Each structure stands twice: as structure tokens, then as C-alpha cells.
Protein backbone atom coordinates (compact mmCIF):
# COMPACT_ATOMS: atom_id res chain seq x y z
CA MET A 1 129.03 -50.21 103.57
CA ALA A 2 128.80 -49.40 107.27
CA TRP A 3 130.82 -46.71 109.03
CA ASN A 4 133.89 -47.92 110.91
CA SER A 5 135.89 -45.34 112.86
CA TYR A 6 138.81 -47.75 113.44
CA GLY A 7 139.18 -46.12 116.86
CA LEU A 8 141.31 -43.32 115.41
CA ASP A 9 140.09 -40.71 117.86
CA GLN A 10 140.65 -43.05 120.80
CA GLU A 11 144.20 -43.78 119.62
CA ALA A 12 144.85 -40.07 119.17
CA GLN A 13 143.53 -39.40 122.66
CA LYS A 14 145.92 -42.02 124.07
CA LEU A 15 148.81 -40.22 122.36
CA VAL A 16 147.74 -36.88 123.80
CA LEU A 17 147.39 -38.28 127.32
CA ALA A 18 150.79 -39.97 127.11
CA ALA A 19 152.34 -36.71 125.91
CA LYS A 20 150.73 -34.84 128.79
CA LEU A 21 152.74 -36.98 131.18
CA ARG A 22 156.01 -36.04 129.43
CA ASP A 23 155.97 -32.26 128.96
CA GLN A 24 153.99 -29.36 127.53
CA THR A 25 155.84 -29.26 124.20
CA SER A 26 154.85 -32.84 123.46
CA LEU A 27 151.28 -32.07 124.45
CA LYS A 28 151.07 -29.14 122.04
CA GLN A 29 152.57 -31.17 119.18
CA SER A 30 150.31 -34.16 119.80
CA TYR A 31 147.26 -31.89 119.86
CA LYS A 32 148.32 -30.38 116.52
CA MET A 33 148.77 -33.88 115.05
CA ARG A 34 145.38 -34.97 116.35
CA MET A 35 143.72 -31.97 114.73
CA ALA A 36 145.62 -32.51 111.47
CA VAL A 37 144.46 -36.13 111.28
CA ALA A 38 140.84 -35.14 111.85
CA TYR A 39 141.10 -32.41 109.21
CA GLY A 40 142.77 -34.78 106.75
CA LEU A 41 140.10 -37.44 107.21
CA GLU A 42 137.36 -34.85 106.76
CA ARG A 43 138.97 -33.68 103.51
CA PHE A 44 139.44 -37.26 102.30
CA TRP A 45 135.81 -38.25 102.87
CA GLY A 46 134.51 -34.93 101.55
CA GLU A 47 136.44 -35.42 98.32
CA HIS A 48 135.25 -39.02 98.10
CA LEU A 49 131.60 -37.96 98.44
CA ARG A 50 132.04 -35.12 95.94
CA LEU A 51 133.56 -37.47 93.39
CA GLN A 52 130.94 -40.11 94.11
CA LYS A 53 128.27 -37.65 93.06
CA ASN A 54 130.02 -36.07 90.05
CA GLU A 55 132.53 -38.69 88.85
CA PRO A 56 131.62 -42.12 90.28
CA ASN A 57 134.52 -43.95 88.61
CA LYS A 58 137.09 -41.71 90.31
CA SER A 59 135.50 -42.21 93.73
CA GLN A 60 136.15 -45.96 93.80
CA PHE A 61 138.82 -47.17 96.22
CA GLY A 62 141.62 -49.38 94.99
CA PHE A 63 141.07 -52.10 97.61
């Protein structure tokens, strides 16, 4: 399985740049959301890799 970023960081950057045009409050909130998404994805993949090593059946996706 090859890595596919789905352009998430680029989409998040577009949101931040659009918020920058509105006001500073939106910019701060969009930055927090961007960081939360990155942290969440890191946790998701970290857990997947941990389970893949220790409990392979639990690491399988339901696709």
C-alpha cells in the first residue's frame, strides 16, 4: 500500500489563508484546527502501526 496524503495539508493551508483575509480570530481558530488534524492523524497512524505489530487483527481497516 502506497502513501497517499489526500492533500490534507494543502486543504488546511487554503483554509488558513482564507481565514487570514477575514480576521485574526478566524486565523487563530483555523491554525488550531490545522494543528489538531495533524495531531489526530499522527495518533491514528501511530495506533495503527502499534496494533499492526502487536495485534494484527485489530489493525485491519473496515474498508
